[in-house]
Amino acid sequence: MKLSRTLVTVAVVIAVVAAIAVLRPWTHLHRVEASEADPSGDLSAVQDLLQLASGGKDSLHISQDGLKVLDIHVVEVRPAPPPEALRLPGSIFLDPGRMVRAHSRFDGEVVAMGTLMTPNPGGAGAPKAKRVLRFGDQVQKGQVLAVVWSKDVGEKKSELIDALSKMAIDFSMLDRYRAVEKGTVPERTIHEAERVYEGDIIAVERAERTLRSWRLTEEEIAAVHREARDIQQRAVKHDKQLAKTWAETEVRSPIDGIIVEKNFNVGDIVANSQDLFKIADLSRVQVFANAYEEDLALIKALPPERRHWLIDLKSDPNDIPVPGKIDVISNIIDPTQHSGAVMGSLDNRDGRLSIGQFVTATIELPPDPSLVAVPTSALIEDGEGGVVFVETDAGRHEFARRKVVVVRRGRELAYIRAHPSREEARLGAGTLVAGQRVIVSGGLELSSELSDLQSNAINQQPPPTPVVPHSSRKSSSLHGPKTY
């Protein structure tokens, strides 16, 4: 308790000493006023330091000694620096445009799963091991993901074999008709045989096109042709492997990517509308960040070529921020958080980013060219806005008290509109441009002294000469008094 009182006492003493140090020049000024002012009220000592300038009603001349005694410092007005960068919380998401769903084109039973060769745990020289695909595996475009047994595929392949067999027999018959001496076979019979052969060609092409539309490979269609030739040649050897895979159809990866979802197992009966896999290309990901509605306006004001951000991972304090581009600025505000979504894409070819990671998106904002900045100590609050003392004549140390339009106040800088609007100018605001110089210390006291000098100047003016009305003037002696 005693220690707390001691600390409070020390803090109060320090505050008093600091206040005395700040007010010492102005205390000295008022001491001079009290001791050296003559009885008639002429503040001659004060006028040696401060005088009304002849250049304007709100202008003040400070002598060289006054600059030292009053500890006056001036700084140059600068263009407004860029505002503090926006730091938006967000997360990494899958790019919906880079994710596809793999499914079977036919209803059927899953009889096999795609495989992947992986390094053997035995060492670098050990052969690679084969295992089935699973969540998180990298796959290539065209790679087999699963094999489905479908009766529809088997039936369509059999239709093609039937059409090929019939076409071969009909062609053989037509060839015999054409080989005999003309007139032996009626022309009508030959034309009918040609028409039958043309129908066989159409049936074969229809079956092949159907299989191709089902995305069977050319090798699979060629295997059906070989099976048809074996049947025509009465081959006694039966291809057991072909019979085993006759009704199989393969589900292949449509893109290069990573398996982010798997929805079946071997032996499951699947429908052609069911998503078996979801494959995502993670070489480019999406960033989803939240910005408060007042910050959304600043982001929308950026030109398209400057809509960039730096993405920093919260989980890695030593990471190097990744540059990205802002693609979408939401026009919908969340009514509970009063924030909107800002989305963009991000390069992830090195695979460093993971889906769901928390990030911080930093957006650098450009400076406002219509604003200038002065230290907050240069700004005098007068109840209606802000006032600064602007140097109007450096050689004579003359300063004008000028009302300005304060747009934003910061901890160290005040941001002022360089050229006020017509309405602001009508209310008394003046211009303040980069390169001008303003007083940064003692402005409030100077303003008070300027008001006192103006008041004294008004009080010391001689009373105006009364104007005698024309009717009260004496008549001219030239004419003498009027008589009636």
Protein backbone atom coordinates (compact mmCIF):
# COMPACT_ATOMS: atom_id res chain seq x y z
CA MET A 1 0.00 0.00 0.00
CA LYS A 2 2.80 2.37 0.98
CA LEU A 3 4.68 1.41 -2.25
CA SER A 4 1.59 2.22 -4.36
CA ARG A 5 1.26 5.67 -2.77
CA THR A 6 4.94 6.33 -3.41
CA LEU A 7 4.61 5.38 -7.08
CA VAL A 8 1.55 7.61 -7.49
CA THR A 9 3.39 10.52 -5.88
CA VAL A 10 6.38 10.08 -8.21
CA ALA A 11 4.09 9.95 -11.25
CA VAL A 12 2.35 13.18 -10.23
CA VAL A 13 5.69 14.96 -9.69
CA ILE A 14 6.92 13.86 -13.12
CA ALA A 15 3.70 15.08 -14.76
CA VAL A 16 3.98 18.47 -13.04
CA VAL A 17 7.62 18.87 -14.06
CA ALA A 18 6.75 18.00 -17.68
CA ALA A 19 3.89 20.51 -17.69
CA ILE A 20 6.18 23.22 -16.28
CA ALA A 21 8.78 22.46 -18.97
CA VAL A 22 6.17 22.77 -21.69
CA LEU A 23 4.57 25.96 -20.34
CA ARG A 24 7.84 27.68 -19.29
CA PRO A 25 8.18 29.87 -22.44
CA TRP A 26 4.57 31.02 -22.16
CA THR A 27 4.88 31.56 -18.39
CA HIS A 28 7.88 33.75 -19.14
CA LEU A 29 5.85 35.67 -21.68
CA HIS A 30 3.08 36.43 -19.19
CA ARG A 31 5.67 37.32 -16.52
CA VAL A 32 7.08 39.88 -18.95
CA GLU A 33 3.58 41.19 -19.55
CA ALA A 34 2.92 41.61 -15.86
CA SER A 35 6.26 43.22 -14.96
CA GLU A 36 7.07 45.35 -17.95
CA ALA A 37 3.69 46.47 -19.18
CA ASP A 38 3.18 50.19 -18.54
CA PRO A 39 0.23 51.46 -16.48
CA SER A 40 -1.58 52.68 -19.60
CA GLY A 41 -1.94 49.06 -20.77
CA ASP A 42 0.59 49.28 -23.60
CA LEU A 43 2.18 45.82 -23.68
CA SER A 44 5.47 47.02 -25.08
CA ALA A 45 7.43 43.96 -23.98
CA VAL A 46 4.89 41.64 -25.54
CA GLN A 47 4.94 43.65 -28.74
CA ASP A 48 8.68 43.11 -28.91
CA LEU A 49 7.95 39.41 -29.26
CA LEU A 50 4.56 39.26 -30.97
CA GLN A 51 2.88 41.81 -33.22
CA LEU A 52 -0.07 41.83 -35.53
CA ALA A 53 1.15 41.54 -39.10
CA SER A 54 -0.03 44.05 -41.61
CA GLY A 55 -0.65 41.39 -44.24
CA GLY A 56 -3.93 40.09 -42.83
CA LYS A 57 -6.32 40.30 -39.91
CA ASP A 58 -5.37 36.81 -38.68
CA SER A 59 -1.63 37.18 -39.23
CA LEU A 60 1.04 37.37 -36.57
CA HIS A 61 4.64 38.63 -36.68
CA ILE A 62 7.07 36.91 -34.33
CA SER A 63 10.42 38.53 -33.69
CA GLN A 64 13.68 36.61 -33.76
CA ASP A 65 13.83 36.76 -29.97
CA GLY A 66 10.21 35.63 -29.83
CA LEU A 67 11.05 32.48 -31.81
CA LYS A 68 13.69 31.62 -29.22
CA VAL A 69 11.80 32.64 -26.09
CA LEU A 70 8.58 30.93 -27.14
CA ASP A 71 10.44 27.91 -28.55
CA ILE A 72 8.63 28.09 -31.89
CA HIS A 73 9.31 25.27 -34.35
CA VAL A 74 8.01 24.91 -37.88
CA VAL A 75 7.83 21.88 -40.18
CA GLU A 76 7.05 21.45 -43.83
CA VAL A 77 3.65 20.18 -44.93
CA ARG A 78 4.04 16.83 -46.67
CA PRO A 79 1.83 14.88 -49.05
CA ALA A 80 -0.26 12.40 -47.11
CA PRO A 81 1.58 9.08 -46.73
CA PRO A 82 -0.18 5.84 -47.65
CA PRO A 83 -2.69 4.73 -45.03
CA GLU A 84 -1.97 1.72 -42.90
CA ALA A 85 -2.25 -1.50 -44.89
CA LEU A 86 -5.41 -3.56 -44.49
CA ARG A 87 -4.87 -6.89 -42.74
CA LEU A 88 -7.76 -9.25 -43.39
CA PRO A 89 -8.27 -12.66 -41.75
CA GLY A 90 -9.03 -15.49 -44.15
CA SER A 91 -8.60 -19.13 -45.16
CA ILE A 92 -7.38 -21.24 -48.08
CA PHE A 93 -10.13 -22.95 -50.10
CA LEU A 94 -10.39 -25.24 -53.09
CA ASP A 95 -10.92 -23.44 -56.36
CA PRO A 96 -14.34 -24.76 -57.52
CA GLY A 97 -13.28 -24.32 -61.13
CA ARG A 98 -10.37 -26.73 -60.62
CA MET A 99 -12.24 -29.65 -59.09
CA VAL A 100 -13.96 -32.42 -61.11
CA ARG A 101 -16.06 -35.43 -60.16
CA ALA A 102 -15.22 -38.85 -61.56
CA HIS A 103 -18.08 -41.34 -61.93
CA SER A 104 -18.94 -44.49 -63.88
CA ARG A 105 -20.85 -44.08 -67.13
CA PHE A 106 -22.89 -47.19 -66.35
CA ASP A 107 -24.56 -48.76 -63.38
CA GLY A 108 -22.61 -51.75 -62.16
CA GLU A 109 -20.36 -53.36 -59.58
CA VAL A 110 -16.92 -52.06 -58.65
CA VAL A 111 -14.57 -55.00 -59.24
CA ALA A 112 -11.18 -53.30 -58.89
CA MET A 113 -9.51 -50.15 -57.58
CA GLY A 114 -6.81 -48.16 -59.31
CA THR A 115 -3.28 -48.65 -58.04
CA LEU A 116 -0.26 -46.49 -57.37
CA MET A 117 3.45 -47.31 -57.26
CA THR A 118 5.07 -45.98 -54.09
CA PRO A 119 8.66 -46.11 -52.78
CA ASN A 120 9.40 -49.22 -50.77
CA PRO A 121 10.20 -48.59 -47.08
CA GLY A 122 13.16 -50.95 -47.46
CA GLY A 123 15.40 -48.21 -48.87
CA ALA A 124 16.31 -46.27 -51.98
CA GLY A 125 17.40 -49.34 -53.91
CA ALA A 126 14.35 -51.44 -53.05
CA PRO A 127 11.70 -51.95 -55.75
CA LYS A 128 8.57 -49.82 -55.59
CA ALA A 129 5.48 -51.27 -53.97
CA LYS A 130 1.98 -51.22 -55.45
CA ARG A 131 -1.05 -50.18 -53.43
CA VAL A 132 -4.59 -49.08 -54.13
CA LEU A 133 -5.47 -45.41 -54.48
CA ARG A 134 -6.66 -43.52 -51.43
CA PHE A 135 -7.51 -40.03 -50.22
CA GLY A 136 -4.70 -37.52 -50.82
CA ASP A 137 -2.96 -39.43 -53.65
CA GLN A 138 -1.69 -37.56 -56.68
CA VAL A 139 -3.11 -38.91 -59.97
CA GLN A 140 -2.47 -38.10 -63.61
CA LYS A 141 -4.94 -37.39 -66.38
CA GLY A 142 -6.13 -40.67 -67.93
CA GLN A 143 -4.98 -42.81 -65.00
CA VAL A 144 -7.33 -45.70 -64.09
CA LEU A 145 -9.13 -44.95 -60.84
CA ALA A 146 -11.54 -47.90 -60.68
CA VAL A 147 -12.99 -50.73 -62.79
CA VAL A 148 -16.75 -51.30 -62.98
CA TRP A 149 -18.47 -54.45 -64.29
CA SER A 150 -21.47 -53.38 -66.40
CA LYS A 151 -23.87 -55.59 -68.35
CA ASP A 152 -24.59 -52.66 -70.68
CA VAL A 153 -20.99 -52.61 -71.87
CA GLY A 154 -20.97 -56.39 -72.34
CA GLU A 155 -24.18 -56.29 -74.34
CA LYS A 156 -22.97 -53.48 -76.59
CA LYS A 157 -19.67 -55.30 -77.27
CA SER A 158 -21.63 -58.43 -78.15
CA GLU A 159 -23.78 -56.36 -80.51
CA LEU A 160 -20.62 -55.20 -82.25
CA ILE A 161 -19.34 -58.79 -82.60
CA ASP A 162 -22.72 -59.85 -84.02
CA ALA A 163 -22.67 -56.98 -86.51
CA LEU A 164 -19.07 -57.76 -87.54
CA SER A 165 -19.87 -61.46 -88.00
CA LYS A 166 -22.98 -60.75 -90.09
CA MET A 167 -21.08 -58.21 -92.18
CA ALA A 168 -18.35 -60.75 -92.94
CA ILE A 169 -20.87 -63.39 -94.06
CA ASP A 170 -22.91 -60.97 -96.17
CA PHE A 171 -19.75 -59.61 -97.79
CA SER A 172 -18.67 -63.15 -98.67
CA MET A 173 -22.05 -63.81 -100.27
CA LEU A 174 -21.93 -60.56 -102.25
CA ASP A 175 -18.40 -61.35 -103.41
CA ARG A 176 -19.57 -64.71 -104.78
CA TYR A 177 -22.44 -63.10 -106.68
CA ARG A 178 -20.04 -60.66 -108.29
CA ALA A 179 -17.52 -63.41 -109.19
CA VAL A 180 -19.90 -65.52 -111.36
CA GLU A 181 -20.53 -64.84 -115.02
CA LYS A 182 -22.83 -61.93 -115.63
CA GLY A 183 -26.42 -62.99 -116.08
CA THR A 184 -26.11 -66.12 -113.98
CA VAL A 185 -27.39 -64.32 -110.88
CA PRO A 186 -30.27 -61.91 -111.34
CA GLU A 187 -29.37 -58.22 -110.91
CA ARG A 188 -32.09 -57.85 -108.33
CA THR A 189 -30.42 -60.48 -106.11
CA ILE A 190 -27.07 -58.70 -106.40
CA HIS A 191 -28.62 -55.34 -105.48
CA GLU A 192 -30.36 -56.87 -102.49
CA ALA A 193 -27.07 -58.40 -101.33
CA GLU A 194 -25.35 -55.02 -101.67
CA ARG A 195 -28.11 -53.38 -99.67
CA VAL A 196 -27.79 -55.99 -96.93
CA TYR A 197 -24.01 -55.46 -96.80
CA GLU A 198 -24.46 -51.70 -96.52
CA GLY A 199 -26.84 -52.25 -93.61
CA ASP A 200 -24.19 -54.40 -91.92
CA ILE A 201 -21.64 -51.60 -92.29
CA ILE A 202 -24.09 -49.14 -90.72
CA ALA A 203 -24.76 -51.51 -87.80
CA VAL A 204 -21.03 -51.95 -87.14
CA GLU A 205 -20.39 -48.21 -87.21
CA ARG A 206 -23.37 -47.58 -84.95
CA ALA A 207 -22.08 -50.05 -82.36
CA GLU A 208 -18.54 -48.62 -82.54
CA ARG A 209 -19.77 -45.06 -82.17
CA THR A 210 -21.82 -46.03 -79.14
CA LEU A 211 -18.78 -47.59 -77.51
CA ARG A 212 -16.68 -44.53 -78.31
CA SER A 213 -19.38 -42.26 -76.85
CA TRP A 214 -19.09 -44.33 -73.68
CA ARG A 215 -15.37 -43.43 -73.74
CA LEU A 216 -14.06 -46.92 -74.42
CA THR A 217 -10.53 -46.73 -75.76
CA GLU A 218 -9.56 -47.70 -79.30
CA GLU A 219 -7.62 -50.61 -77.85
CA GLU A 220 -10.78 -51.97 -76.20
CA ILE A 221 -12.71 -51.65 -79.48
CA ALA A 222 -9.86 -53.36 -81.36
CA ALA A 223 -10.06 -56.25 -78.87
CA VAL A 224 -13.72 -56.73 -79.86
CA HIS A 225 -12.70 -56.85 -83.53
CA ARG A 226 -10.07 -59.50 -82.74
CA GLU A 227 -12.66 -61.55 -80.85
CA ALA A 228 -14.97 -61.38 -83.88
CA ARG A 229 -12.19 -62.57 -86.22
CA ASP A 230 -11.41 -65.48 -83.89
CA ILE A 231 -15.05 -66.52 -83.99
CA GLN A 232 -15.12 -66.30 -87.78
CA GLN A 233 -11.97 -68.41 -88.06
CA ARG A 234 -13.48 -71.00 -85.70
CA ALA A 235 -10.56 -70.59 -83.29
CA VAL A 236 -10.76 -73.33 -80.71
CA LYS A 237 -8.65 -71.47 -78.18
CA HIS A 238 -10.84 -69.37 -75.92
CA ASP A 239 -9.37 -66.10 -74.57
CA LYS A 240 -10.15 -66.40 -70.87
CA GLN A 241 -8.66 -63.01 -70.07
CA LEU A 242 -10.90 -61.31 -72.62
CA ALA A 243 -13.93 -63.10 -71.23
CA LYS A 244 -13.00 -61.94 -67.75
CA THR A 245 -12.80 -58.28 -68.78
CA TRP A 246 -15.55 -58.38 -71.41
CA ALA A 247 -18.09 -56.32 -69.48
CA GLU A 248 -15.60 -54.13 -67.62
CA THR A 249 -15.39 -50.37 -68.02
CA GLU A 250 -12.68 -48.19 -66.55
CA VAL A 251 -13.12 -44.97 -64.60
CA ARG A 252 -10.20 -42.68 -65.47
CA SER A 253 -9.02 -39.40 -64.01
CA PRO A 254 -10.13 -36.42 -66.15
CA ILE A 255 -7.33 -34.12 -64.90
CA ASP A 256 -4.02 -34.07 -63.09
CA GLY A 257 -4.74 -33.55 -59.42
CA ILE A 258 -5.17 -34.92 -55.93
CA ILE A 259 -7.93 -37.21 -54.68
CA VAL A 260 -9.87 -35.11 -52.18
CA GLU A 261 -12.85 -37.44 -51.83
CA LYS A 262 -13.51 -41.19 -52.32
CA ASN A 263 -17.04 -42.57 -51.89
CA PHE A 264 -16.97 -46.34 -52.55
CA ASN A 265 -15.19 -49.63 -51.95
CA VAL A 266 -14.62 -52.71 -54.09
CA GLY A 267 -17.82 -54.74 -54.32
CA ASP A 268 -20.16 -51.75 -54.07
CA ILE A 269 -22.98 -51.42 -56.61
CA VAL A 270 -22.73 -47.90 -58.01
CA ALA A 271 -24.96 -45.77 -60.21
CA ASN A 272 -23.83 -43.65 -63.09
CA SER A 273 -24.96 -40.53 -61.18
CA GLN A 274 -22.83 -41.31 -58.14
CA ASP A 275 -19.57 -39.41 -57.57
CA LEU A 276 -16.90 -42.04 -57.06
CA PHE A 277 -13.98 -39.62 -56.75
CA LYS A 278 -13.42 -35.88 -56.49
CA ILE A 279 -10.15 -34.79 -58.06
CA ALA A 280 -8.80 -31.30 -57.35
CA ASP A 281 -6.01 -29.42 -59.06
CA LEU A 282 -4.23 -27.73 -56.15
CA SER A 283 -1.60 -25.98 -58.26
CA ARG A 284 -3.80 -22.92 -57.83
CA VAL A 285 -5.98 -22.35 -54.76
CA GLN A 286 -8.49 -19.75 -53.66
CA VAL A 287 -8.16 -17.30 -50.78
CA PHE A 288 -11.33 -16.23 -48.98
CA ALA A 289 -10.92 -13.21 -46.66
CA ASN A 290 -13.36 -11.06 -44.68
CA ALA A 291 -13.27 -7.25 -44.80
CA TYR A 292 -15.38 -4.80 -42.82
CA GLU A 293 -17.77 -2.78 -44.94
CA GLU A 294 -15.79 0.45 -44.52
CA ASP A 295 -12.67 -1.37 -45.78
CA LEU A 296 -14.55 -2.85 -48.75
CA ALA A 297 -15.01 0.67 -50.10
CA LEU A 298 -11.24 1.23 -49.97
CA ILE A 299 -10.59 -2.05 -51.82
CA LYS A 300 -13.20 -1.28 -54.48
CA ALA A 301 -11.58 2.12 -55.03
CA LEU A 302 -8.34 0.43 -56.09
CA PRO A 303 -7.83 0.26 -59.86
CA PRO A 304 -7.87 -3.31 -61.24
CA GLU A 305 -4.12 -3.33 -61.85
CA ARG A 306 -3.47 -2.59 -58.14
CA ARG A 307 -5.79 -5.20 -56.67
CA HIS A 308 -3.09 -7.41 -55.23
CA TRP A 309 -2.38 -8.78 -51.77
CA LEU A 310 0.23 -10.68 -49.81
CA ILE A 311 -0.86 -13.90 -48.12
CA ASP A 312 0.82 -14.80 -44.86
CA LEU A 313 0.32 -18.13 -43.07
CA LYS A 314 -0.67 -17.78 -39.43
CA SER A 315 0.82 -21.18 -38.65
CA ASP A 316 4.30 -20.18 -39.83
CA PRO A 317 5.68 -16.95 -38.29
CA ASN A 318 8.83 -17.18 -40.42
CA ASP A 319 7.20 -17.75 -43.81
CA ILE A 320 7.65 -15.45 -46.79
CA PRO A 321 4.32 -13.84 -47.81
CA VAL A 322 3.00 -15.15 -51.13
CA PRO A 323 1.77 -12.55 -53.65
CA GLY A 324 -1.69 -13.05 -55.09
CA LYS A 325 -4.40 -11.26 -57.05
CA ILE A 326 -7.84 -10.15 -55.88
CA ASP A 327 -10.50 -11.49 -58.26
CA VAL A 328 -13.85 -10.90 -56.52
CA ILE A 329 -15.08 -8.21 -54.11
CA SER A 330 -18.46 -9.16 -52.70
CA ASN A 331 -21.45 -6.86 -52.91
CA ILE A 332 -23.22 -8.75 -50.10
CA ILE A 333 -22.63 -7.67 -46.49
CA ASP A 334 -23.05 -10.13 -43.64
CA PRO A 335 -25.69 -8.47 -41.40
CA THR A 336 -24.24 -9.98 -38.21
CA GLN A 337 -20.55 -9.15 -38.71
CA HIS A 338 -20.97 -6.25 -41.16
CA SER A 339 -18.25 -7.69 -43.35
CA GLY A 340 -18.01 -8.83 -46.94
CA ALA A 341 -16.00 -11.46 -48.77
CA VAL A 342 -12.87 -10.73 -50.77
CA MET A 343 -11.65 -13.63 -52.91
CA GLY A 344 -8.63 -14.24 -55.06
CA SER A 345 -6.44 -16.92 -56.54
CA LEU A 346 -2.98 -17.95 -55.42
CA ASP A 347 -0.23 -19.95 -57.10
CA ASN A 348 0.48 -23.21 -55.26
CA ARG A 349 2.60 -25.20 -57.67
CA ASP A 350 5.09 -25.92 -54.91
CA GLY A 351 2.31 -27.43 -52.77
CA ARG A 352 3.21 -25.31 -49.76
CA LEU A 353 -0.37 -24.23 -49.06
CA SER A 354 -2.97 -26.58 -47.61
CA ILE A 355 -6.74 -26.35 -47.89
CA GLY A 356 -8.30 -24.88 -44.75
CA GLN A 357 -5.21 -23.02 -43.50
CA PHE A 358 -5.74 -19.71 -41.72
CA VAL A 359 -4.05 -16.79 -43.44
CA THR A 360 -3.68 -13.03 -43.14
CA ALA A 361 -4.18 -11.09 -46.37
CA THR A 362 -2.33 -7.76 -46.46
CA ILE A 363 -3.51 -5.12 -48.94
CA GLU A 364 -1.35 -2.06 -49.46
CA LEU A 365 -3.41 1.10 -50.02
CA PRO A 366 -2.15 4.05 -52.12
CA PRO A 367 -1.93 7.57 -50.66
CA ASP A 368 -4.79 9.99 -51.30
CA PRO A 369 -3.43 12.74 -53.59
CA SER A 370 -6.02 15.22 -52.30
CA LEU A 371 -4.67 15.11 -48.74
CA VAL A 372 -1.64 16.55 -46.97
CA ALA A 373 -0.28 15.59 -43.56
CA VAL A 374 0.91 17.64 -40.60
CA PRO A 375 1.92 16.54 -37.10
CA THR A 376 -1.02 16.39 -34.73
CA SER A 377 0.74 18.94 -32.50
CA ALA A 378 0.36 21.52 -35.30
CA LEU A 379 -3.43 21.20 -35.26
CA ILE A 380 -5.46 23.49 -32.98
CA GLU A 381 -9.00 22.39 -32.16
CA ASP A 382 -11.33 25.38 -32.10
CA GLY A 383 -14.64 23.59 -31.57
CA GLU A 384 -15.70 23.93 -35.22
CA GLY A 385 -12.82 22.12 -36.85
CA GLY A 386 -9.07 22.53 -37.05
CA VAL A 387 -6.76 25.53 -37.24
CA VAL A 388 -3.05 25.76 -38.07
CA PHE A 389 -0.51 28.59 -38.19
CA VAL A 390 0.90 28.78 -41.72
CA GLU A 391 4.14 30.62 -42.47
CA THR A 392 3.33 33.38 -44.97
CA ASP A 393 6.65 35.27 -44.95
CA ALA A 394 9.75 33.37 -43.86
CA GLY A 395 11.99 36.46 -43.85
CA ARG A 396 9.70 38.46 -41.57
CA HIS A 397 8.59 35.44 -39.51
CA GLU A 398 4.94 36.07 -40.23
CA PHE A 399 2.32 33.39 -39.70
CA ALA A 400 -1.37 33.30 -40.57
CA ARG A 401 -4.00 31.50 -38.55
CA ARG A 402 -5.90 29.38 -41.06
CA LYS A 403 -8.91 27.14 -40.70
CA VAL A 404 -8.45 23.79 -42.45
CA VAL A 405 -10.58 20.72 -43.22
CA VAL A 406 -9.39 17.76 -41.14
CA VAL A 407 -10.31 14.48 -42.86
CA ARG A 408 -8.70 12.02 -40.47
CA ARG A 409 -6.69 12.16 -37.26
CA GLY A 410 -4.03 9.64 -36.44
CA ARG A 411 -1.77 9.09 -33.47
CA GLU A 412 1.06 11.18 -34.95
CA LEU A 413 -0.35 12.78 -38.12
CA ALA A 414 -3.46 14.73 -39.02
CA TYR A 415 -4.70 14.38 -42.60
CA ILE A 416 -6.00 17.62 -44.13
CA ARG A 417 -7.75 18.28 -47.43
CA ALA A 418 -5.36 20.40 -49.46
CA HIS A 419 -8.10 22.21 -51.41
CA PRO A 420 -11.43 22.48 -49.60
CA SER A 421 -14.68 22.17 -51.46
CA ARG A 422 -16.73 25.23 -52.38
CA GLU A 423 -19.03 24.73 -49.40
CA GLU A 424 -16.08 24.25 -47.02
CA ALA A 425 -14.40 27.37 -48.39
CA ARG A 426 -17.64 29.31 -47.86
CA LEU A 427 -17.50 28.29 -44.20
CA GLY A 428 -13.97 29.71 -43.87
CA ALA A 429 -11.67 26.79 -44.69
CA GLY A 430 -8.46 27.63 -46.54
CA THR A 431 -5.96 25.71 -48.65
CA LEU A 432 -2.92 23.94 -47.25
CA VAL A 433 -0.58 22.41 -49.82
CA ALA A 434 2.61 20.40 -49.63
CA GLY A 435 5.71 22.56 -49.25
CA GLN A 436 4.16 25.16 -46.97
CA ARG A 437 5.42 25.40 -43.37
CA VAL A 438 3.34 25.29 -40.20
CA ILE A 439 4.05 25.81 -36.51
CA VAL A 440 4.14 22.55 -34.55
CA SER A 441 4.64 23.83 -30.98
CA GLY A 442 2.75 26.43 -29.01
CA GLY A 443 0.01 26.88 -31.57
CA LEU A 444 -2.81 27.00 -29.03
CA GLU A 445 -1.05 29.68 -26.97
CA LEU A 446 -0.20 31.68 -30.10
CA SER A 447 -3.85 31.60 -31.12
CA SER A 448 -4.82 32.95 -27.70
CA GLU A 449 -2.18 35.70 -27.86
CA LEU A 450 -3.30 36.62 -31.40
CA SER A 451 -6.87 37.01 -30.16
CA ASP A 452 -5.66 39.19 -27.25
CA LEU A 453 -3.61 41.39 -29.59
CA GLN A 454 -6.58 41.80 -31.87
CA SER A 455 -8.79 42.72 -28.90
CA ASN A 456 -6.22 45.26 -27.59
CA ALA A 457 -5.87 46.79 -31.04
CA ILE A 458 -9.62 47.32 -31.20
CA ASN A 459 -9.75 48.83 -27.66
CA GLN A 460 -6.90 51.27 -28.35
CA GLN A 461 -8.43 52.74 -31.52
CA PRO A 462 -9.72 56.36 -31.10
CA PRO A 463 -13.50 56.69 -31.07
CA PRO A 464 -14.92 57.48 -34.47
CA THR A 465 -15.85 61.13 -35.21
CA PRO A 466 -19.61 61.53 -34.88
CA VAL A 467 -21.41 62.42 -38.02
CA VAL A 468 -23.57 65.55 -37.54
CA PRO A 469 -26.93 65.24 -39.25
CA HIS A 470 -27.54 67.75 -42.01
CA SER A 471 -30.61 69.14 -40.28
CA SER A 472 -28.65 70.05 -37.11
CA ARG A 473 -25.89 72.02 -38.80
CA LYS A 474 -25.82 75.82 -38.24
CA SER A 475 -26.95 78.00 -41.09
CA SER A 476 -24.32 79.69 -43.15
CA SER A 477 -23.40 83.23 -42.01
CA LEU A 478 -23.34 84.30 -45.64
CA HIS A 479 -27.09 84.36 -45.79
CA GLY A 480 -27.75 85.21 -42.16
CA PRO A 481 -30.72 84.13 -40.17
CA LYS A 482 -33.95 83.66 -41.95
CA THR A 483 -36.74 86.08 -41.18
CA TYR A 484 -40.36 85.62 -41.92
